[in-house]
């Protein structure tokens, strides 16, 4: 965990969380159609093709799998709880991931900036080691915000990029961390 990485967030953000989940679903629908939403595909610009391969993620927190969820895997957490998070990234055959970022998001828009992901703070892991086909396991440690109240929602998020032709980057929410 990076110093000062604990950022409090209260339950009054449900509208923002819902809006960002809708945006994430919409981004997936648009990407499946062969075009990403703005700002990746601004008006008048040619749209990049859909990602040439799919990276999958499996998440456990403190040795437990997620509770069933319709939208995202869900983990119940408490204020000031130390989480041991294991993320297993699976890269398909003939694919390479050039960079990977894992971190915490308040559910706002995710994207790619000039120095890494946007909408992810804190960044718990930045791997610039090329991930080749197969499974790659990453262990993260993070303490939940001490002043969080019941109803607080944070998310484990990922962004990855490939310099393999055609180059692309993607970002998405991996798991819902919900205060019980």
Protein backbone atom coordinates (compact mmCIF):
# COMPACT_ATOMS: atom_id res chain seq x y z
CA UNK A 1 0.00 0.00 0.00
CA UNK A 2 1.33 3.40 -0.91
CA UNK A 3 1.63 5.97 1.92
CA UNK A 4 -1.51 8.06 2.13
CA UNK A 5 -3.35 5.56 -0.06
CA UNK A 6 -6.37 5.44 2.20
CA UNK A 7 -9.02 7.72 0.76
CA UNK A 8 -12.38 7.85 2.55
CA UNK A 9 -15.58 7.60 0.57
CA UNK A 10 -19.11 7.68 1.96
CA UNK A 11 -22.35 6.06 0.92
CA UNK A 12 -23.68 9.27 -0.66
CA UNK A 13 -22.06 8.36 -3.96
CA UNK A 14 -24.51 5.71 -5.04
CA UNK A 15 -25.59 7.84 -8.01
CA UNK A 16 -21.97 8.18 -9.14
CA UNK A 17 -21.39 4.45 -8.65
CA UNK A 18 -24.50 3.56 -10.63
CA UNK A 19 -23.59 6.02 -13.39
CA UNK A 20 -20.08 4.64 -13.65
CA UNK A 21 -21.34 1.05 -13.76
CA UNK A 22 -23.72 2.06 -16.56
CA UNK A 23 -20.78 3.75 -18.32
CA UNK A 24 -18.68 0.58 -17.92
CA UNK A 25 -21.46 -1.58 -19.40
CA UNK A 26 -22.00 0.93 -22.22
CA UNK A 27 -18.26 0.98 -22.96
CA UNK A 28 -18.33 -2.82 -23.27
CA UNK A 29 -21.32 -2.69 -25.62
CA UNK A 30 -19.67 -0.02 -27.77
CA UNK A 31 -16.36 -1.91 -27.82
CA UNK A 32 -18.16 -5.05 -28.98
CA UNK A 33 -19.48 -2.99 -31.89
CA UNK A 34 -15.94 -2.17 -32.95
CA UNK A 35 -15.70 1.37 -31.57
CA UNK A 36 -14.78 2.65 -28.14
CA UNK A 37 -16.61 5.61 -26.57
CA UNK A 38 -15.08 9.10 -26.35
CA UNK A 39 -12.38 10.14 -25.63
CA UNK A 40 -10.83 7.09 -27.28
CA UNK A 41 -12.90 7.61 -30.42
CA UNK A 42 -13.61 11.35 -30.76
CA UNK A 43 -15.99 12.63 -33.42
CA UNK A 44 -14.37 12.72 -36.85
CA UNK A 45 -11.60 10.27 -35.91
CA UNK A 46 -11.34 6.72 -37.15
CA UNK A 47 -12.36 4.21 -34.52
CA UNK A 48 -9.85 1.61 -33.35
CA UNK A 49 -10.87 -1.99 -33.72
CA UNK A 50 -12.04 -4.00 -30.74
CA UNK A 51 -9.35 -5.54 -28.56
CA UNK A 52 -7.78 -8.45 -30.42
CA UNK A 53 -7.78 -10.64 -27.29
CA UNK A 54 -9.48 -10.87 -23.91
CA UNK A 55 -7.59 -10.83 -20.61
CA UNK A 56 -9.44 -12.50 -17.72
CA UNK A 57 -9.09 -11.93 -13.99
CA UNK A 58 -9.87 -14.05 -10.91
CA UNK A 59 -9.85 -12.27 -7.55
CA UNK A 60 -9.71 -13.55 -3.97
CA UNK A 61 -9.60 -11.37 -0.85
CA UNK A 62 -8.18 -12.73 2.40
CA UNK A 63 -8.28 -16.22 0.91
CA UNK A 64 -11.99 -16.09 0.05
CA UNK A 65 -13.74 -16.03 -3.28
CA UNK A 66 -16.37 -13.42 -4.04
CA UNK A 67 -20.02 -13.46 -3.05
CA UNK A 68 -22.25 -14.00 -6.08
CA UNK A 69 -23.14 -10.77 -7.84
CA UNK A 70 -25.03 -9.94 -11.00
CA UNK A 71 -22.60 -7.22 -12.10
CA UNK A 72 -19.25 -7.69 -10.34
CA UNK A 73 -17.72 -10.12 -7.87
CA UNK A 74 -18.46 -8.70 -4.40
CA UNK A 75 -16.42 -8.82 -1.20
CA UNK A 76 -17.69 -7.59 2.18
CA UNK A 77 -15.06 -5.53 4.02
CA UNK A 78 -14.83 -3.49 7.24
CA UNK A 79 -13.26 -0.10 8.00
CA UNK A 80 -9.46 -0.24 8.58
CA UNK A 81 -9.34 -3.91 7.51
CA UNK A 82 -6.07 -5.13 6.01
CA UNK A 83 -6.85 -6.98 2.77
CA UNK A 84 -4.62 -9.57 1.16
CA UNK A 85 -5.79 -9.50 -2.45
CA UNK A 86 -4.73 -12.12 -5.00
CA UNK A 87 -5.38 -11.34 -8.65
CA UNK A 88 -4.78 -14.09 -11.20
CA UNK A 89 -4.48 -12.66 -14.70
CA UNK A 90 -4.92 -15.05 -17.63
CA UNK A 91 -3.48 -14.00 -20.98
CA UNK A 92 -4.64 -16.08 -23.99
CA UNK A 93 -2.34 -17.87 -26.46
CA UNK A 94 -0.37 -15.71 -28.89
CA UNK A 95 -1.06 -12.61 -26.80
CA UNK A 96 1.12 -10.31 -24.70
CA UNK A 97 0.23 -7.68 -22.13
CA UNK A 98 2.89 -4.94 -22.09
CA UNK A 99 1.75 -3.11 -18.93
CA UNK A 100 -0.67 -3.81 -16.09
CA UNK A 101 -1.98 -1.55 -13.34
CA UNK A 102 -4.13 -2.75 -10.42
CA UNK A 103 -5.63 -0.37 -7.89
CA UNK A 104 -8.66 1.02 -6.11
CA UNK A 105 -11.39 3.07 -7.76
CA UNK A 106 -14.32 4.99 -6.33
CA UNK A 107 -16.28 3.86 -9.38
CA UNK A 108 -15.61 6.92 -11.51
CA UNK A 109 -14.69 6.73 -15.17
CA UNK A 110 -11.65 4.57 -15.86
CA UNK A 111 -9.23 5.27 -18.63
CA UNK A 112 -5.69 5.63 -19.80
CA UNK A 113 -3.58 8.69 -19.15
CA UNK A 114 -0.05 9.60 -20.22
CA UNK A 115 1.38 8.18 -16.96
CA UNK A 116 -0.95 5.25 -16.40
CA UNK A 117 -4.59 4.76 -15.46
CA UNK A 118 -7.08 7.48 -14.65
CA UNK A 119 -9.82 6.91 -12.09
CA UNK A 120 -7.61 4.55 -10.06
CA UNK A 121 -6.20 5.80 -6.76
CA UNK A 122 -4.26 4.33 -5.13
CA UNK A 123 -2.41 2.27 -7.71
CA UNK A 124 -1.39 -0.87 -5.82
CA UNK A 125 0.61 -2.47 -8.63
CA UNK A 126 2.23 -1.33 -11.84
CA UNK A 127 3.89 -4.12 -13.78
CA UNK A 128 5.82 -3.18 -16.91
CA UNK A 129 7.07 -6.76 -17.28
CA UNK A 130 5.56 -8.29 -20.42
CA UNK A 131 2.96 -10.91 -19.53
CA UNK A 132 2.94 -13.73 -22.05
CA UNK A 133 0.26 -16.37 -22.54
CA UNK A 134 -0.72 -18.17 -19.36
CA UNK A 135 -1.66 -17.39 -15.77
CA UNK A 136 0.11 -14.72 -13.72
CA UNK A 137 -0.58 -14.22 -10.00
CA UNK A 138 -0.22 -10.86 -8.21
CA UNK A 139 -0.48 -10.37 -4.45
CA UNK A 140 -1.58 -6.98 -3.17
CA UNK A 141 -1.99 -5.63 0.36
CA UNK A 142 -4.28 -2.70 1.10
CA UNK A 143 -5.93 -1.32 4.23
CA UNK A 144 -9.49 -0.09 3.76
CA UNK A 145 -10.21 3.51 4.85
CA UNK A 146 -10.68 3.72 8.63
CA UNK A 147 -13.42 6.36 8.44
CA UNK A 148 -15.60 4.47 5.97
CA UNK A 149 -19.26 4.11 6.85
CA UNK A 150 -21.68 1.28 6.07
CA UNK A 151 -22.77 1.61 2.47
CA UNK A 152 -19.34 2.76 1.24
CA UNK A 153 -18.41 1.26 -2.12
CA UNK A 154 -14.94 0.99 -3.60
CA UNK A 155 -13.72 -1.22 -6.41
CA UNK A 156 -10.64 -3.14 -7.41
CA UNK A 157 -9.82 -1.96 -10.93
CA UNK A 158 -7.37 -2.92 -13.67
CA UNK A 159 -5.92 -1.28 -16.73
CA UNK A 160 -3.73 -3.15 -19.18
CA UNK A 161 -2.07 -2.32 -22.45
CA UNK A 162 -0.57 -4.23 -25.34
CA UNK A 163 2.03 -3.00 -27.79
CA UNK A 164 1.34 -6.09 -29.88
CA UNK A 165 -0.19 -5.09 -33.22
CA UNK A 166 -2.80 -3.67 -33.13
CA UNK A 167 -1.86 -1.75 -29.98
CA UNK A 168 -4.64 -1.07 -27.47
CA UNK A 169 -5.40 -0.50 -23.81
CA UNK A 170 -8.41 -1.36 -21.70
CA UNK A 171 -9.62 -0.61 -18.18
CA UNK A 172 -12.35 -2.20 -16.11
CA UNK A 173 -13.65 -2.84 -12.61
CA UNK A 174 -12.73 -6.29 -11.28
CA UNK A 175 -14.42 -6.52 -7.88
CA UNK A 176 -16.78 -4.59 -5.63
CA UNK A 177 -15.49 -3.92 -2.10
CA UNK A 178 -18.62 -3.21 -0.03
CA UNK A 179 -18.71 -2.19 3.61
CA UNK A 180 -20.93 -4.45 5.65
